[in-house]
Amino acid sequence: MSSAEVTSNLKDAAVGLLTPFDDADTDEILLAELSATTDWLYDEGIRLFLAGANVSEYHSLSRRERIDVVRVPCETLPADATVLAGVGGSTKTVIDLARTHEENGADAIMVMPPHHTFKHEHGVADYYGRIADAIDVGIVPYLRGFEVTVGLVEAIADHENVAGIKWAIPDIELFAECVATVESDVVWICGMAEPLAPAYYLEGAEGFTAGATNVEPRLGLAIFDALEAGDIERARDLRDLAQPFMNLRSEPGADNVYPSANSVPVLKSGLECAGRYGGPVREPLVELTDEDRERAERAYDHIQDGLRKYLPAHPEQ
């Protein structure tokens, strides 16, 4: 896939592929289930896939597993799908893994935030720059969990091999300033899922990464189509269908002070509601309580009930 095709294909609703672990004691990845879910998402209309991403439990995977969860969708998907492969860690670790993903067919690389206790703004720019220099396919820096400035974003986006910026920093005013200031042709991607997709679209985001759409792909595609058509009211109404599901994802879960610990287990529960394999999570995550699992099911049903108003009947309904 050419760089121009990748850039164009980033302007879409992207889903993250969850990692299906065996629910027995083996804790192995069920690669056949990963392939089957990838096929299902494609058949439902998804064309942009995040493999080995945060929701894939990237930081709980071994190097071999990180390779496999990208390789499988690359082998499974037709040529018109775009696979954005996640990498993170030290510069050398990222470059080594990114090159392997490239060899296995990944169309672009999403670079996780540099989770270093002590960071320097210039060092962060150098981090992304060295990675962009070292691989042939385009990269998409994932900005989340650390402060950024307009100058830093300019320095990152200035590299010719940076295809897009995935923005997941809760500061829409700063985002708008960056879009207005940065002169390169990067694709701006809202990394904050359906609830904020309309607002960030109006400020210059040309695509968004999904939350509830990971388990109900028709939702994100409908939101994106509404935004592209200029029907902001419809986009907001569709966005609202995801809100209970996304609210539950943002919660810490029982007996826990860390925010959003429910995020991945709620998605896996949603996959089960969709008739797919979700499976367990790995530590440092924990399973949902029975109460939260029931809430996830109700939130999923809320999406389905709402979609009946806006979309033609699903073939299976």
Protein backbone atom coordinates (compact mmCIF):
# COMPACT_ATOMS: atom_id res chain seq x y z
CA MET A 1 0.00 0.00 0.00
CA SER A 2 1.42 3.37 -1.01
CA SER A 3 1.95 6.16 1.51
CA ALA A 4 -0.79 8.16 -0.21
CA GLU A 5 -3.21 5.26 0.19
CA VAL A 6 -2.32 4.88 3.86
CA THR A 7 -2.83 8.59 4.47
CA SER A 8 -6.23 8.45 2.78
CA ASN A 9 -7.25 5.31 4.66
CA LEU A 10 -6.48 6.85 8.05
CA LYS A 11 -9.50 9.11 7.49
CA ASP A 12 -11.96 6.60 8.82
CA ALA A 13 -13.37 4.96 11.94
CA ALA A 14 -10.69 2.60 13.27
CA VAL A 15 -11.30 -0.39 15.51
CA GLY A 16 -8.88 -1.98 17.95
CA LEU A 17 -8.49 -5.75 17.86
CA LEU A 18 -8.82 -7.36 21.28
CA THR A 19 -6.56 -10.26 22.19
CA PRO A 20 -8.52 -13.49 22.78
CA PHE A 21 -6.84 -15.43 25.58
CA ASP A 22 -7.74 -19.01 26.37
CA ASP A 23 -9.97 -19.13 29.44
CA ALA A 24 -8.18 -22.25 30.66
CA ASP A 25 -4.97 -22.24 32.68
CA THR A 26 -2.80 -22.17 29.56
CA ASP A 27 -3.33 -18.40 29.06
CA GLU A 28 -2.53 -18.83 25.37
CA ILE A 29 -3.76 -16.54 22.60
CA LEU A 30 -6.45 -18.15 20.46
CA LEU A 31 -5.21 -17.00 17.09
CA ALA A 32 -8.10 -18.65 15.23
CA GLU A 33 -10.54 -16.55 17.29
CA LEU A 34 -8.55 -13.41 16.50
CA SER A 35 -8.76 -14.22 12.81
CA ALA A 36 -12.50 -14.93 13.05
CA THR A 37 -13.23 -11.62 14.82
CA THR A 38 -11.11 -9.76 12.28
CA ASP A 39 -13.13 -11.36 9.47
CA TRP A 40 -16.38 -10.39 11.20
CA LEU A 41 -15.34 -6.74 11.59
CA TYR A 42 -14.29 -6.60 7.95
CA ASP A 43 -17.57 -8.15 6.83
CA GLU A 44 -19.40 -5.50 8.88
CA GLY A 45 -17.63 -2.77 6.90
CA ILE A 46 -14.52 -1.92 8.94
CA ARG A 47 -11.46 -1.13 6.86
CA LEU A 48 -9.03 0.42 9.38
CA PHE A 49 -7.67 -1.85 12.12
CA LEU A 50 -5.45 -1.19 15.13
CA ALA A 51 -3.55 -4.36 15.95
CA GLY A 52 -1.37 -4.72 19.04
CA ALA A 53 -2.90 -1.57 20.54
CA ASN A 54 -3.72 -0.59 24.12
CA VAL A 55 -7.04 -2.46 23.99
CA SER A 56 -5.10 -5.46 22.67
CA GLU A 57 -3.41 -5.51 26.10
CA TYR A 58 -0.11 -4.68 24.41
CA HIS A 59 1.78 -4.27 27.67
CA SER A 60 0.69 -7.73 28.85
CA LEU A 61 2.03 -9.47 25.75
CA SER A 62 5.39 -11.07 25.11
CA ARG A 63 7.40 -10.06 22.05
CA ARG A 64 6.28 -13.20 20.22
CA GLU A 65 2.66 -12.47 21.07
CA ARG A 66 2.98 -8.86 19.92
CA ILE A 67 4.19 -10.16 16.58
CA ASP A 68 1.37 -12.71 16.32
CA VAL A 69 -1.51 -10.33 17.08
CA VAL A 70 -0.37 -8.16 14.17
CA ARG A 71 0.64 -10.95 11.81
CA VAL A 72 -2.74 -12.70 12.00
CA PRO A 73 -4.89 -9.75 10.85
CA CYS A 74 -2.31 -8.92 8.16
CA GLU A 75 -2.72 -12.46 6.84
CA THR A 76 -6.49 -12.50 7.34
CA LEU A 77 -7.56 -9.20 5.79
CA PRO A 78 -8.01 -8.42 2.08
CA ALA A 79 -5.78 -5.86 0.40
CA ASP A 80 -8.24 -2.98 0.79
CA ALA A 81 -7.98 -3.09 4.59
CA THR A 82 -5.36 -1.05 6.45
CA VAL A 83 -3.53 -2.47 9.47
CA LEU A 84 -1.97 -0.02 11.89
CA ALA A 85 0.42 -2.01 14.10
CA GLY A 86 1.11 -0.92 17.67
CA VAL A 87 4.63 -0.67 19.09
CA GLY A 88 5.99 0.73 22.32
CA GLY A 89 8.99 0.72 24.62
CA SER A 90 12.57 1.78 24.09
CA THR A 91 13.60 3.20 20.73
CA LYS A 92 15.52 0.06 19.77
CA THR A 93 12.65 -2.19 20.90
CA VAL A 94 10.17 -0.19 18.85
CA ILE A 95 12.32 -0.14 15.71
CA ASP A 96 12.98 -3.88 15.90
CA LEU A 97 9.30 -4.72 16.39
CA ALA A 98 8.12 -2.21 13.79
CA ARG A 99 10.41 -3.71 11.17
CA THR A 100 9.02 -7.15 11.94
CA HIS A 101 5.46 -5.86 11.62
CA GLU A 102 6.40 -4.23 8.32
CA GLU A 103 7.80 -7.54 7.05
CA ASN A 104 4.57 -9.25 8.08
CA GLY A 105 2.44 -6.85 6.09
CA ALA A 106 1.50 -3.97 8.40
CA ASP A 107 0.61 -0.86 6.42
CA ALA A 108 1.66 1.67 9.07
CA ILE A 109 2.93 1.78 12.65
CA MET A 110 1.23 3.35 15.65
CA VAL A 111 3.86 4.34 18.20
CA MET A 112 2.68 4.25 21.82
CA PRO A 113 3.51 7.13 24.17
CA PRO A 114 7.04 6.96 25.64
CA HIS A 115 6.19 5.99 29.23
CA HIS A 116 9.42 7.17 30.79
CA THR A 117 9.37 8.63 34.28
CA PHE A 118 11.74 11.43 33.26
CA LYS A 119 11.10 12.95 29.83
CA HIS A 120 12.36 15.98 27.96
CA GLU A 121 10.30 17.61 25.23
CA HIS A 122 13.18 17.47 22.75
CA GLY A 123 13.80 13.86 23.68
CA VAL A 124 10.20 12.95 22.93
CA ALA A 125 10.51 14.56 19.50
CA ASP A 126 13.79 12.69 18.93
CA TYR A 127 12.09 9.43 19.99
CA TYR A 128 9.45 9.66 17.31
CA GLY A 129 11.92 11.06 14.79
CA ARG A 130 14.41 8.19 15.16
CA ILE A 131 11.62 5.67 14.75
CA ALA A 132 10.29 7.44 11.66
CA ASP A 133 13.81 7.47 10.19
CA ALA A 134 14.31 3.76 10.77
CA ILE A 135 11.29 2.23 9.03
CA ASP A 136 9.84 2.48 5.56
CA VAL A 137 6.11 2.61 6.31
CA GLY A 138 4.47 5.66 7.83
CA ILE A 139 4.11 6.10 11.57
CA VAL A 140 1.27 7.49 13.68
CA PRO A 141 2.48 8.83 17.04
CA TYR A 142 -0.06 8.20 19.80
CA LEU A 143 -0.18 11.26 22.06
CA ARG A 144 -1.63 10.34 25.43
CA GLY A 145 -0.77 10.50 29.10
CA PHE A 146 1.82 13.27 28.94
CA GLU A 147 1.81 17.01 28.39
CA VAL A 148 2.38 18.30 24.89
CA THR A 149 2.93 21.75 23.45
CA VAL A 150 2.25 23.12 20.01
CA GLY A 151 6.01 23.24 19.43
CA LEU A 152 6.40 19.56 20.31
CA VAL A 153 3.58 18.52 18.01
CA GLU A 154 5.07 20.63 15.22
CA ALA A 155 8.44 18.94 15.68
CA ILE A 156 6.86 15.48 15.60
CA ALA A 157 4.60 16.16 12.63
CA ASP A 158 7.38 17.76 10.59
CA HIS A 159 8.95 14.39 9.74
CA GLU A 160 7.96 13.25 6.25
CA ASN A 161 7.32 9.71 7.49
CA VAL A 162 4.73 10.77 10.08
CA ALA A 163 1.43 9.93 8.40
CA GLY A 164 -0.91 10.92 11.20
CA ILE A 165 -1.26 12.01 14.80
CA LYS A 166 -3.51 10.05 17.14
CA TRP A 167 -4.64 12.62 19.70
CA ALA A 168 -5.93 11.32 23.06
CA ILE A 169 -5.22 14.33 25.26
CA PRO A 170 -8.36 15.85 26.85
CA ASP A 171 -7.71 19.39 25.66
CA ILE A 172 -9.73 20.31 22.60
CA GLU A 173 -8.49 23.92 22.60
CA LEU A 174 -4.88 22.76 22.38
CA PHE A 175 -5.86 20.29 19.66
CA ALA A 176 -7.48 23.07 17.63
CA GLU A 177 -4.39 25.24 18.05
CA CYS A 178 -2.14 22.41 16.85
CA VAL A 179 -4.32 21.76 13.80
CA ALA A 180 -4.25 25.45 12.93
CA THR A 181 -0.50 25.80 13.49
CA VAL A 182 1.07 22.61 12.14
CA GLU A 183 1.77 22.99 8.43
CA SER A 184 2.50 19.36 7.51
CA ASP A 185 -0.15 17.18 5.86
CA VAL A 186 -0.60 14.73 8.71
CA VAL A 187 -4.00 13.15 9.29
CA TRP A 188 -5.44 14.18 12.64
CA ILE A 189 -7.12 11.26 14.40
CA CYS A 190 -9.33 11.66 17.45
CA GLY A 191 -8.12 8.96 19.84
CA MET A 192 -10.91 9.55 22.35
CA ALA A 193 -13.57 7.36 20.74
CA GLU A 194 -17.22 8.02 19.94
CA PRO A 195 -18.17 10.46 22.75
CA LEU A 196 -15.79 13.15 21.51
CA ALA A 197 -15.60 12.26 17.82
CA PRO A 198 -18.07 14.95 16.64
CA ALA A 199 -16.42 17.74 18.63
CA TYR A 200 -12.91 16.86 17.45
CA TYR A 201 -14.12 16.39 13.88
CA LEU A 202 -15.36 19.97 13.90
CA GLU A 203 -11.89 21.08 15.04
CA GLY A 204 -10.05 19.21 12.29
CA ALA A 205 -9.93 15.49 13.13
CA GLU A 206 -10.43 13.48 9.96
CA GLY A 207 -10.90 10.11 11.61
CA PHE A 208 -11.33 8.57 15.04
CA THR A 209 -10.43 5.43 16.92
CA ALA A 210 -13.32 3.47 18.30
CA GLY A 211 -14.63 2.40 21.66
CA ALA A 212 -18.08 0.81 21.41
CA THR A 213 -17.47 0.39 17.67
CA ASN A 214 -14.98 -2.36 18.53
CA VAL A 215 -17.99 -4.52 19.43
CA GLU A 216 -20.68 -2.90 17.24
CA PRO A 217 -18.89 -1.77 14.09
CA ARG A 218 -22.02 -0.32 12.48
CA LEU A 219 -22.11 2.40 15.13
CA GLY A 220 -18.76 4.02 14.37
CA LEU A 221 -19.26 3.70 10.63
CA ALA A 222 -22.63 5.45 10.94
CA ILE A 223 -21.12 8.23 13.05
CA PHE A 224 -18.31 8.72 10.54
CA ASP A 225 -20.72 8.76 7.60
CA ALA A 226 -22.90 11.34 9.37
CA LEU A 227 -19.89 13.56 10.05
CA GLU A 228 -18.69 13.31 6.46
CA ALA A 229 -22.18 14.21 5.28
CA GLY A 230 -22.25 17.27 7.53
CA ASP A 231 -25.14 15.87 9.57
CA ILE A 232 -23.79 16.79 12.98
CA GLU A 233 -27.12 16.29 14.74
CA ARG A 234 -27.33 12.70 13.53
CA ALA A 235 -23.70 12.11 14.49
CA ARG A 236 -24.39 13.38 18.00
CA ASP A 237 -27.49 11.24 18.35
CA LEU A 238 -25.53 8.17 17.29
CA ARG A 239 -22.68 9.18 19.58
CA ASP A 240 -25.09 9.28 22.49
CA LEU A 241 -25.95 5.61 21.95
CA ALA A 242 -22.39 4.74 22.95
CA GLN A 243 -22.36 6.87 26.10
CA PRO A 244 -23.55 4.30 28.72
CA PHE A 245 -21.11 1.72 27.33
CA MET A 246 -18.25 4.20 27.30
CA ASN A 247 -19.10 5.52 30.77
CA LEU A 248 -18.79 2.00 32.13
CA ARG A 249 -15.43 1.60 30.38
CA SER A 250 -14.12 4.70 32.16
CA GLU A 251 -14.93 3.37 35.63
CA PRO A 252 -12.29 1.84 37.94
CA GLY A 253 -14.29 -1.26 38.83
CA ALA A 254 -14.71 -2.68 42.31
CA ASP A 255 -12.16 -2.06 45.08
CA ASN A 256 -9.82 -0.06 42.88
CA VAL A 257 -8.53 3.51 42.71
CA TYR A 258 -7.09 3.40 39.17
CA PRO A 259 -9.31 4.97 36.50
CA SER A 260 -10.64 3.08 33.48
CA ALA A 261 -9.68 -0.39 34.70
CA ASN A 262 -13.01 -1.55 33.28
CA SER A 263 -12.04 -0.47 29.77
CA VAL A 264 -10.82 -3.72 28.21
CA PRO A 265 -12.98 -6.20 30.17
CA VAL A 266 -16.08 -4.19 29.17
CA LEU A 267 -15.02 -4.45 25.53
CA LYS A 268 -14.52 -8.19 25.87
CA SER A 269 -17.92 -8.50 27.47
CA GLY A 270 -19.35 -6.53 24.56
CA LEU A 271 -17.79 -8.94 22.10
CA GLU A 272 -19.52 -11.79 23.91
CA CYS A 273 -22.82 -9.89 23.60
CA ALA A 274 -22.17 -9.65 19.86
CA GLY A 275 -21.81 -13.42 19.67
CA ARG A 276 -18.02 -13.30 19.32
CA TYR A 277 -15.29 -14.66 21.58
CA GLY A 278 -14.10 -12.15 24.18
CA GLY A 279 -12.36 -14.26 26.77
CA PRO A 280 -10.52 -13.23 29.91
CA VAL A 281 -8.11 -10.37 30.49
CA ARG A 282 -4.56 -10.63 31.76
CA GLU A 283 -3.09 -9.00 34.82
CA PRO A 284 -2.72 -6.15 35.68
CA LEU A 285 -6.38 -6.09 34.55
CA VAL A 286 -9.12 -8.03 36.33
CA GLU A 287 -12.47 -9.42 35.26
CA LEU A 288 -15.71 -7.49 35.62
CA THR A 289 -17.90 -8.03 38.62
CA ASP A 290 -21.22 -9.75 37.89
CA GLU A 291 -22.95 -6.41 38.37
CA ASP A 292 -20.71 -4.62 35.87
CA ARG A 293 -21.07 -7.47 33.39
CA GLU A 294 -24.83 -7.06 33.55
CA ARG A 295 -24.43 -3.31 33.07
CA ALA A 296 -22.23 -3.95 30.03
CA GLU A 297 -24.93 -6.16 28.56
CA ARG A 298 -27.57 -3.49 29.12
CA ALA A 299 -25.32 -0.84 27.57
CA TYR A 300 -24.76 -3.07 24.54
CA ASP A 301 -28.52 -3.63 24.23
CA HIS A 302 -29.01 0.17 24.42
CA ILE A 303 -26.78 0.54 21.36
CA GLN A 304 -28.72 -2.12 19.49
CA ASP A 305 -32.09 -0.59 20.36
CA GLY A 306 -30.92 2.81 19.17
CA LEU A 307 -29.42 1.55 15.93
CA ARG A 308 -32.77 0.13 14.90
CA LYS A 309 -33.97 3.72 14.61
CA TYR A 310 -31.11 4.90 12.44
CA LEU A 311 -30.00 1.93 10.34
CA PRO A 312 -31.63 -0.72 8.17
CA ALA A 313 -32.33 -3.97 9.99
CA HIS A 314 -29.23 -6.05 10.52
CA PRO A 315 -29.35 -9.31 8.50
CA GLU A 316 -29.28 -11.34 11.71
CA GLN A 317 -32.09 -9.38 13.37
